[in-house]
PDB file of N, CA and C in Angstrom:
ATOM      1  N   MET A   1      41.318 -43.475  -8.408  1.00  0.00           N
ATOM      2  CA  MET A   1      42.609 -43.699  -7.797  1.00  0.00           C
ATOM      3  C   MET A   1      43.583 -43.461  -8.866  1.00  0.00           C
ATOM      4  N   ALA A   2      44.226 -42.382  -8.803  1.00  0.00           N
ATOM      5  CA  ALA A   2      45.370 -42.065  -9.760  1.00  0.00           C
ATOM      6  C   ALA A   2      46.765 -41.747  -8.959  1.00  0.00           C
ATOM      7  N   TRP A   3      47.569 -41.932  -9.746  1.00  0.00           N
ATOM      8  CA  TRP A   3      49.055 -41.622  -9.260  1.00  0.00           C
ATOM      9  C   TRP A   3      49.498 -40.310  -9.603  1.00  0.00           C
ATOM     10  N   HIS A   4      49.833 -39.495  -8.648  1.00  0.00           N
ATOM     11  CA  HIS A   4      50.355 -38.123  -8.936  1.00  0.00           C
ATOM     12  C   HIS A   4      51.804 -37.896  -8.409  1.00  0.00           C
ATOM     13  N   ASP A   5      52.654 -37.245  -9.125  1.00  0.00           N
ATOM     14  CA  ASP A   5      53.906 -36.848  -8.590  1.00  0.00           C
ATOM     15  C   ASP A   5      53.770 -35.699  -7.609  1.00  0.00           C
ATOM     16  N   ASN A   6      54.624 -35.819  -6.526  1.00  0.00           N
ATOM     17  CA  ASN A   6      54.655 -34.801  -5.577  1.00  0.00           C
ATOM     18  C   ASN A   6      55.540 -33.626  -5.953  1.00  0.00           C
ATOM     19  N   GLN A   7      55.191 -32.893  -7.035  1.00  0.00           N
ATOM     20  CA  GLN A   7      55.949 -31.828  -7.578  1.00  0.00           C
ATOM     21  C   GLN A   7      55.875 -30.576  -6.682  1.00  0.00           C
ATOM     22  N   ASN A   8      54.676 -30.371  -6.207  1.00  0.00           N
ATOM     23  CA  ASN A   8      54.467 -29.141  -5.437  1.00  0.00           C
ATOM     24  C   ASN A   8      54.332 -29.511  -3.995  1.00  0.00           C
ATOM     25  N   GLU A   9      55.408 -29.670  -3.325  1.00  0.00           N
ATOM     26  CA  GLU A   9      55.377 -30.113  -1.940  1.00  0.00           C
ATOM     27  C   GLU A   9      54.953 -29.054  -0.911  1.00  0.00           C
ATOM     28  N   ALA A  10      55.225 -27.730  -1.377  1.00  0.00           N
ATOM     29  CA  ALA A  10      54.759 -26.572  -0.564  1.00  0.00           C
ATOM     30  C   ALA A  10      53.295 -26.537  -0.452  1.00  0.00           C
ATOM     31  N   ALA A  11      52.534 -26.794  -1.494  1.00  0.00           N
ATOM     32  CA  ALA A  11      51.201 -26.790  -1.466  1.00  0.00           C
ATOM     33  C   ALA A  11      50.516 -27.921  -0.560  1.00  0.00           C
ATOM     34  N   ASP A  12      51.288 -29.116  -0.647  1.00  0.00           N
ATOM     35  CA  ASP A  12      50.854 -30.219   0.102  1.00  0.00           C
ATOM     36  C   ASP A  12      51.122 -29.878   1.539  1.00  0.00           C
ATOM     37  N   GLU A  13      52.187 -29.220   1.954  1.00  0.00           N
ATOM     38  CA  GLU A  13      52.378 -28.823   3.436  1.00  0.00           C
ATOM     39  C   GLU A  13      51.241 -27.865   3.795  1.00  0.00           C
ATOM     40  N   ASN A  14      50.911 -26.989   2.984  1.00  0.00           N
ATOM     41  CA  ASN A  14      49.884 -25.906   3.340  1.00  0.00           C
ATOM     42  C   ASN A  14      48.571 -26.698   3.393  1.00  0.00           C
ATOM     43  N   PHE A  15      48.317 -27.618   2.687  1.00  0.00           N
ATOM     44  CA  PHE A  15      47.011 -28.494   2.633  1.00  0.00           C
ATOM     45  C   PHE A  15      47.109 -29.246   3.875  1.00  0.00           C
ATOM     46  N   LEU A  16      48.166 -29.831   4.413  1.00  0.00           N
ATOM     47  CA  LEU A  16      48.280 -30.633   5.612  1.00  0.00           C
ATOM     48  C   LEU A  16      48.024 -29.662   6.871  1.00  0.00           C
ATOM     49  N   ASN A  17      48.697 -28.554   6.856  1.00  0.00           N
ATOM     50  CA  ASN A  17      48.385 -27.637   7.972  1.00  0.00           C
ATOM     51  C   ASN A  17      46.907 -27.239   8.123  1.00  0.00           C
ATOM     52  N   ILE A  18      46.346 -26.956   6.964  1.00  0.00           N
ATOM     53  CA  ILE A  18      44.899 -26.551   7.081  1.00  0.00           C
ATOM     54  C   ILE A  18      44.151 -27.778   7.625  1.00  0.00           C
ATOM     55  N   ILE A  19      44.348 -29.101   7.199  1.00  0.00           N
ATOM     56  CA  ILE A  19      43.626 -30.226   7.681  1.00  0.00           C
ATOM     57  C   ILE A  19      43.876 -30.367   9.142  1.00  0.00           C
ATOM     58  N   HIS A  20      45.122 -30.284   9.686  1.00  0.00           N
ATOM     59  CA  HIS A  20      45.476 -30.466  11.002  1.00  0.00           C
ATOM     60  C   HIS A  20      44.786 -29.345  11.975  1.00  0.00           C
ATOM     61  N   HIS A  21      44.780 -28.114  11.354  1.00  0.00           N
ATOM     62  CA  HIS A  21      44.144 -27.062  12.084  1.00  0.00           C
ATOM     63  C   HIS A  21      42.599 -27.225  12.313  1.00  0.00           C
ATOM     64  N   ALA A  22      42.032 -27.707  11.241  1.00  0.00           N
ATOM     65  CA  ALA A  22      40.543 -28.098  11.192  1.00  0.00           C
ATOM     66  C   ALA A  22      40.239 -29.286  12.180  1.00  0.00           C
ATOM     67  N   ALA A  23      41.164 -30.032  12.376  1.00  0.00           N
ATOM     68  CA  ALA A  23      40.833 -31.148  13.336  1.00  0.00           C
ATOM     69  C   ALA A  23      41.112 -30.949  14.755  1.00  0.00           C
ATOM     70  N   LEU A  24      41.663 -29.634  15.183  1.00  0.00           N
ATOM     71  CA  LEU A  24      41.847 -29.362  16.468  1.00  0.00           C
ATOM     72  C   LEU A  24      40.596 -29.041  17.252  1.00  0.00           C
ATOM     73  N   GLU A  25      40.592 -29.126  18.519  1.00  0.00           N
ATOM     74  CA  GLU A  25      39.398 -28.844  19.256  1.00  0.00           C
ATOM     75  C   GLU A  25      39.237 -27.272  19.382  1.00  0.00           C
ATOM     76  N   PRO A  26      38.003 -26.725  19.542  1.00  0.00           N
ATOM     77  CA  PRO A  26      37.866 -25.302  19.414  1.00  0.00           C
ATOM     78  C   PRO A  26      38.490 -24.450  20.331  1.00  0.00           C
ATOM     79  N   THR A  27      38.839 -24.894  21.562  1.00  0.00           N
ATOM     80  CA  THR A  27      39.643 -24.117  22.442  1.00  0.00           C
ATOM     81  C   THR A  27      41.055 -23.922  22.021  1.00  0.00           C
ATOM     82  N   LYS A  28      41.685 -24.717  21.080  1.00  0.00           N
ATOM     83  CA  LYS A  28      43.012 -24.538  20.664  1.00  0.00           C
ATOM     84  C   LYS A  28      42.931 -23.757  19.279  1.00  0.00           C
ATOM     85  N   LYS A  29      41.791 -23.690  18.570  1.00  0.00           N
ATOM     86  CA  LYS A  29      41.605 -22.964  17.425  1.00  0.00           C
ATOM     87  C   LYS A  29      41.455 -21.407  17.623  1.00  0.00           C
ATOM     88  N   TYR A  30      40.530 -21.275  18.669  1.00  0.00           N
ATOM     89  CA  TYR A  30      40.127 -19.908  18.886  1.00  0.00           C
ATOM     90  C   TYR A  30      40.468 -19.397  20.409  1.00  0.00           C
ATOM     91  N   THR A  31      40.610 -18.157  20.501  1.00  0.00           N
ATOM     92  CA  THR A  31      40.866 -17.597  22.002  1.00  0.00           C
ATOM     93  C   THR A  31      39.600 -17.419  22.721  1.00  0.00           C
ATOM     94  N   GLU A  32      38.370 -17.303  22.088  1.00  0.00           N
ATOM     95  CA  GLU A  32      37.202 -17.232  22.883  1.00  0.00           C
ATOM     96  C   GLU A  32      36.059 -17.851  22.220  1.00  0.00           C
ATOM     97  N   PRO A  33      34.902 -18.399  22.734  1.00  0.00           N
ATOM     98  CA  PRO A  33      33.998 -19.014  22.094  1.00  0.00           C
ATOM     99  C   PRO A  33      33.331 -18.425  20.891  1.00  0.00           C
ATOM    100  N   GLN A  34      33.090 -19.159  19.847  1.00  0.00           N
ATOM    101  CA  GLN A  34      32.596 -18.472  18.544  1.00  0.00           C
ATOM    102  C   GLN A  34      30.973 -18.514  18.580  1.00  0.00           C
ATOM    103  N   THR A  35      30.337 -19.386  19.269  1.00  0.00           N
ATOM    104  CA  THR A  35      28.854 -19.550  19.382  1.00  0.00           C
ATOM    105  C   THR A  35      28.496 -19.598  20.819  1.00  0.00           C
ATOM    106  N   THR A  36      27.160 -19.389  21.059  1.00  0.00           N
ATOM    107  CA  THR A  36      26.716 -19.566  22.498  1.00  0.00           C
ATOM    108  C   THR A  36      26.800 -20.956  23.091  1.00  0.00           C
ATOM    109  N   SER A  37      26.670 -21.930  22.065  1.00  0.00           N
ATOM    110  CA  SER A  37      26.769 -23.235  22.571  1.00  0.00           C
ATOM    111  C   SER A  37      28.104 -23.614  22.982  1.00  0.00           C
ATOM    112  N   GLN A  38      29.169 -22.936  22.437  1.00  0.00           N
ATOM    113  CA  GLN A  38      30.419 -23.192  22.882  1.00  0.00           C
ATOM    114  C   GLN A  38      30.880 -22.602  24.198  1.00  0.00           C
ATOM    115  N   GLU A  39      30.041 -21.659  24.629  1.00  0.00           N
ATOM    116  CA  GLU A  39      30.250 -21.048  25.968  1.00  0.00           C
ATOM    117  C   GLU A  39      30.246 -22.084  27.052  1.00  0.00           C
ATOM    118  N   ILE A  40      29.463 -23.136  26.920  1.00  0.00           N
ATOM    119  CA  ILE A  40      29.186 -24.114  27.897  1.00  0.00           C
ATOM    120  C   ILE A  40      30.351 -25.020  27.855  1.00  0.00           C
ATOM    121  N   GLY A  41      31.117 -25.118  28.839  1.00  0.00           N
ATOM    122  CA  GLY A  41      32.249 -25.992  28.792  1.00  0.00           C
ATOM    123  C   GLY A  41      33.606 -25.423  28.233  1.00  0.00           C
ATOM    124  N   TRP A  42      33.581 -24.200  27.922  1.00  0.00           N
ATOM    125  CA  TRP A  42      34.792 -23.575  27.299  1.00  0.00           C
ATOM    126  C   TRP A  42      35.939 -23.552  28.144  1.00  0.00           C
ATOM    127  N   MET A  43      35.712 -23.179  29.414  1.00  0.00           N
ATOM    128  CA  MET A  43      36.807 -23.136  30.487  1.00  0.00           C
ATOM    129  C   MET A  43      36.930 -24.573  31.150  1.00  0.00           C
ATOM    130  N   THR A  44      37.861 -25.307  30.666  1.00  0.00           N
ATOM    131  CA  THR A  44      37.985 -26.712  31.298  1.00  0.00           C
ATOM    132  C   THR A  44      38.798 -26.826  32.486  1.00  0.00           C
ATOM    133  N   GLN A  45      39.473 -25.774  32.828  1.00  0.00           N
ATOM    134  CA  GLN A  45      40.341 -25.837  33.993  1.00  0.00           C
ATOM    135  C   GLN A  45      39.356 -25.785  35.352  1.00  0.00           C
ATOM    136  N   PRO A  46      39.807 -26.513  36.424  1.00  0.00           N
ATOM    137  CA  PRO A  46      39.129 -26.412  37.504  1.00  0.00           C
ATOM    138  C   PRO A  46      39.176 -25.042  38.223  1.00  0.00           C
ATOM    139  N   LEU A  47      38.126 -24.539  38.710  1.00  0.00           N
ATOM    140  CA  LEU A  47      38.097 -23.332  39.533  1.00  0.00           C
ATOM    141  C   LEU A  47      38.849 -23.324  40.816  1.00  0.00           C
ATOM    142  N   ILE A  48      38.968 -24.349  41.472  1.00  0.00           N
ATOM    143  CA  ILE A  48      39.588 -24.491  42.742  1.00  0.00           C
ATOM    144  C   ILE A  48      40.689 -25.609  42.576  1.00  0.00           C
ATOM    145  N   ARG A  49      41.757 -25.469  43.358  1.00  0.00           N
ATOM    146  CA  ARG A  49      42.746 -26.548  43.313  1.00  0.00           C
ATOM    147  C   ARG A  49      42.191 -27.763  44.072  1.00  0.00           C
ATOM    148  N   VAL A  50      42.419 -29.004  43.404  1.00  0.00           N
ATOM    149  CA  VAL A  50      41.872 -30.203  44.087  1.00  0.00           C
ATOM    150  C   VAL A  50      42.866 -30.527  45.192  1.00  0.00           C
ATOM    151  N   ASP A  51      42.323 -30.686  46.437  1.00  0.00           N
ATOM    152  CA  ASP A  51      43.061 -31.075  47.578  1.00  0.00           C
ATOM    153  C   ASP A  51      42.327 -32.247  48.291  1.00  0.00           C
ATOM    154  N   ARG A  52      42.687 -33.422  48.045  1.00  0.00           N
ATOM    155  CA  ARG A  52      42.014 -34.576  48.523  1.00  0.00           C
ATOM    156  C   ARG A  52      42.118 -34.676  50.152  1.00  0.00           C
ATOM    157  N   THR A  53      42.940 -34.042  50.764  1.00  0.00           N
ATOM    158  CA  THR A  53      43.073 -34.095  52.188  1.00  0.00           C
ATOM    159  C   THR A  53      42.121 -33.126  52.865  1.00  0.00           C
ATOM    160  N   ASP A  54      41.364 -32.208  52.214  1.00  0.00           N
ATOM    161  CA  ASP A  54      40.464 -31.290  52.660  1.00  0.00           C
ATOM    162  C   ASP A  54      39.201 -32.113  53.071  1.00  0.00           C
ATOM    163  N   ARG A  55      38.879 -32.200  54.259  1.00  0.00           N
ATOM    164  CA  ARG A  55      37.737 -32.888  54.797  1.00  0.00           C
ATOM    165  C   ARG A  55      36.430 -32.163  54.422  1.00  0.00           C
ATOM    166  N   ARG A  56      36.575 -30.940  54.177  1.00  0.00           N
ATOM    167  CA  ARG A  56      35.341 -30.192  53.919  1.00  0.00           C
ATOM    168  C   ARG A  56      34.748 -30.547  52.535  1.00  0.00           C
ATOM    169  N   LEU A  57      35.515 -30.973  51.670  1.00  0.00           N
ATOM    170  CA  LEU A  57      35.069 -31.262  50.335  1.00  0.00           C
ATOM    171  C   LEU A  57      35.021 -32.791  49.958  1.00  0.00           C
ATOM    172  N   HIS A  58      35.760 -33.505  50.592  1.00  0.00           N
ATOM    173  CA  HIS A  58      35.941 -34.822  50.230  1.00  0.00           C
ATOM    174  C   HIS A  58      35.595 -35.799  51.499  1.00  0.00           C
ATOM    175  N   TYR A  59      34.523 -36.467  51.311  1.00  0.00           N
ATOM    176  CA  TYR A  59      34.110 -37.395  52.421  1.00  0.00           C
ATOM    177  C   TYR A  59      34.408 -38.809  52.045  1.00  0.00           C
ATOM    178  N   HIS A  60      35.343 -39.422  52.682  1.00  0.00           N
ATOM    179  CA  HIS A  60      35.773 -40.738  52.280  1.00  0.00           C
ATOM    180  C   HIS A  60      34.720 -41.839  52.848  1.00  0.00           C
ATOM    181  N   ARG A  61      34.488 -42.929  52.333  1.00  0.00           N
ATOM    182  CA  ARG A  61      33.665 -43.852  52.525  1.00  0.00           C
ATOM    183  C   ARG A  61      34.268 -44.623  53.809  1.00  0.00           C
ATOM    184  N   GLN A  62      33.448 -44.803  54.873  1.00  0.00           N
ATOM    185  CA  GLN A  62      33.796 -45.469  56.036  1.00  0.00           C
ATOM    186  C   GLN A  62      32.751 -46.567  56.340  1.00  0.00           C
ATOM    187  N   LYS A  63      33.233 -47.731  56.834  1.00  0.00           N
ATOM    188  CA  LYS A  63      32.403 -48.818  57.152  1.00  0.00           C
ATOM    189  C   LYS A  63      32.467 -48.916  58.695  1.00  0.00           C
ATOM    190  N   THR A  64      31.137 -48.937  59.248  1.00  0.00           N
ATOM    191  CA  THR A  64      30.919 -49.239  60.623  1.00  0.00           C
ATOM    192  C   THR A  64      30.279 -50.633  60.798  1.00  0.00           C
ATOM    193  N   GLU A  65      30.152 -51.022  61.942  1.00  0.00           N
ATOM    194  CA  GLU A  65      29.534 -52.322  62.245  1.00  0.00           C
ATOM    195  C   GLU A  65      28.195 -52.361  61.573  1.00  0.00           C
ATOM    196  N   ILE A  66      27.379 -51.418  61.712  1.00  0.00           N
ATOM    197  CA  ILE A  66      26.013 -51.549  61.275  1.00  0.00           C
ATOM    198  C   ILE A  66      25.954 -51.548  59.670  1.00  0.00           C
ATOM    199  N   THR A  67      26.873 -50.767  59.075  1.00  0.00           N
ATOM    200  CA  THR A  67      26.936 -50.801  57.619  1.00  0.00           C
ATOM    201  C   THR A  67      27.323 -52.200  57.064  1.00  0.00           C
ATOM    202  N   VAL A  68      28.448 -52.776  57.763  1.00  0.00           N
ATOM    203  CA  VAL A  68      28.885 -54.132  57.301  1.00  0.00           C
ATOM    204  C   VAL A  68      27.667 -55.152  57.518  1.00  0.00           C
ATOM    205  N   TYR A  69      27.053 -55.018  58.625  1.00  0.00           N
ATOM    206  CA  TYR A  69      25.897 -56.044  58.880  1.00  0.00           C
ATOM    207  C   TYR A  69      24.803 -55.819  57.862  1.00  0.00           C
ATOM    208  N   MET A  70      24.379 -54.610  57.412  1.00  0.00           N
ATOM    209  CA  MET A  70      23.407 -54.321  56.597  1.00  0.00           C
ATOM    210  C   MET A  70      23.717 -54.633  55.202  1.00  0.00           C
ATOM    211  N   GLU A  71      24.966 -54.498  54.851  1.00  0.00           N
ATOM    212  CA  GLU A  71      25.512 -55.006  53.349  1.00  0.00           C
ATOM    213  C   GLU A  71      25.394 -56.371  53.289  1.00  0.00           C
ATOM    214  N   THR A  72      25.813 -57.145  54.377  1.00  0.00           N
ATOM    215  CA  THR A  72      25.646 -58.531  54.392  1.00  0.00           C
ATOM    216  C   THR A  72      24.178 -59.015  54.346  1.00  0.00           C
ATOM    217  N   ALA A  73      23.396 -58.480  55.086  1.00  0.00           N
ATOM    218  CA  ALA A  73      21.921 -58.816  55.035  1.00  0.00           C
ATOM    219  C   ALA A  73      21.364 -58.512  53.645  1.00  0.00           C
ATOM    220  N   TRP A  74      21.774 -57.334  53.043  1.00  0.00           N
ATOM    221  CA  TRP A  74      21.128 -56.973  51.733  1.00  0.00           C
ATOM    222  C   TRP A  74      21.662 -58.201  50.670  1.00  0.00           C
ATOM    223  N   LYS A  75      22.947 -58.483  50.717  1.00  0.00           N
ATOM    224  CA  LYS A  75      23.376 -59.532  49.833  1.00  0.00           C
ATOM    225  C   LYS A  75      22.748 -60.852  49.927  1.00  0.00           C
ATOM    226  N   LEU A  76      22.501 -61.160  51.144  1.00  0.00           N
ATOM    227  CA  LEU A  76      21.703 -62.534  51.408  1.00  0.00           C
ATOM    228  C   LEU A  76      20.288 -62.422  50.975  1.00  0.00           C
ATOM    229  N   LYS A  77      19.622 -61.263  51.195  1.00  0.00           N
ATOM    230  CA  LYS A  77      18.337 -61.113  50.620  1.00  0.00           C
ATOM    231  C   LYS A  77      18.266 -61.174  49.030  1.00  0.00           C
ATOM    232  N   GLU A  78      19.246 -60.457  48.424  1.00  0.00           N
ATOM    233  CA  GLU A  78      19.247 -60.471  46.987  1.00  0.00           C
ATOM    234  C   GLU A  78      19.496 -61.875  46.427  1.00  0.00           C
ATOM    235  N   GLN A  79      20.425 -62.686  47.113  1.00  0.00           N
ATOM    236  CA  GLN A  79      20.650 -63.949  46.663  1.00  0.00           C
ATOM    237  C   GLN A  79      19.534 -64.876  46.779  1.00  0.00           C
ATOM    238  N   SER A  80      18.866 -64.781  47.908  1.00  0.00           N
ATOM    239  CA  SER A  80      17.655 -65.669  48.130  1.00  0.00           C
ATOM    240  C   SER A  80      16.483 -65.274  47.083  1.00  0.00           C
ATOM    241  N   VAL A  81      16.334 -63.974  46.724  1.00  0.00           N
ATOM    242  CA  VAL A  81      15.434 -63.620  45.696  1.00  0.00           C
ATOM    243  C   VAL A  81      15.772 -64.207  44.419  1.00  0.00           C
ATOM    244  N   ASN A  82      17.053 -64.119  44.065  1.00  0.00           N
ATOM    245  CA  ASN A  82      17.426 -64.569  42.742  1.00  0.00           C
ATOM    246  C   ASN A  82      17.356 -66.125  42.660  1.00  0.00           C
ATOM    247  N   LEU A  83      17.574 -66.874  43.688  1.00  0.00           N
ATOM    248  CA  LEU A  83      17.529 -68.327  43.575  1.00  0.00           C
ATOM    249  C   LEU A  83      16.211 -68.756  43.452  1.00  0.00           C
ATOM    250  N   GLN A  84      15.161 -68.063  43.714  1.00  0.00           N
ATOM    251  CA  GLN A  84      13.783 -68.573  43.592  1.00  0.00           C
ATOM    252  C   GLN A  84      13.260 -68.445  42.218  1.00  0.00           C
TER     253      GLN A  84
END
């Protein structure tokens, strides 16, 4: 642990730029993957636009009488098993 005067601030700025550049994720450092392992997950943008109203791709959970009944029956069964 030594105390140094910051006489050469340009070198310090250059050093900080190098350190900050090294800390970036690979997609910000390079235009294309550098290894074959980087090819997996390189393109992080979705291929299609996400539209939650499109019923072909998004199925919302719906409860009917039978699903409510079976959910209640399952909970009662689990509680009785856990109490024994």
